[in-house]
């Protein structure tokens, strides 16, 4: 089905809801509790894990081939 056909089948209410949703910024539903903050502070990567993740980010950023938009 072409996008044009799809657009003709959508109600005005659906189109308006889609427009509103597209403008909504991502945000947390609430602030963390003090306990959640304490637990989050315990999460630390060791140096080997951090190096592996950094290497993966660089490899992904420099990937070439199918599926990549240049």
Foldseek 3Di string as FASTA:
>chain_A
DDPVVVVVPDDPVVVVVVVVVVPDDDDDPDDDDPVVVVVVVVDDDDPVVVVVVVVVVVCVVPDDDPPDDD
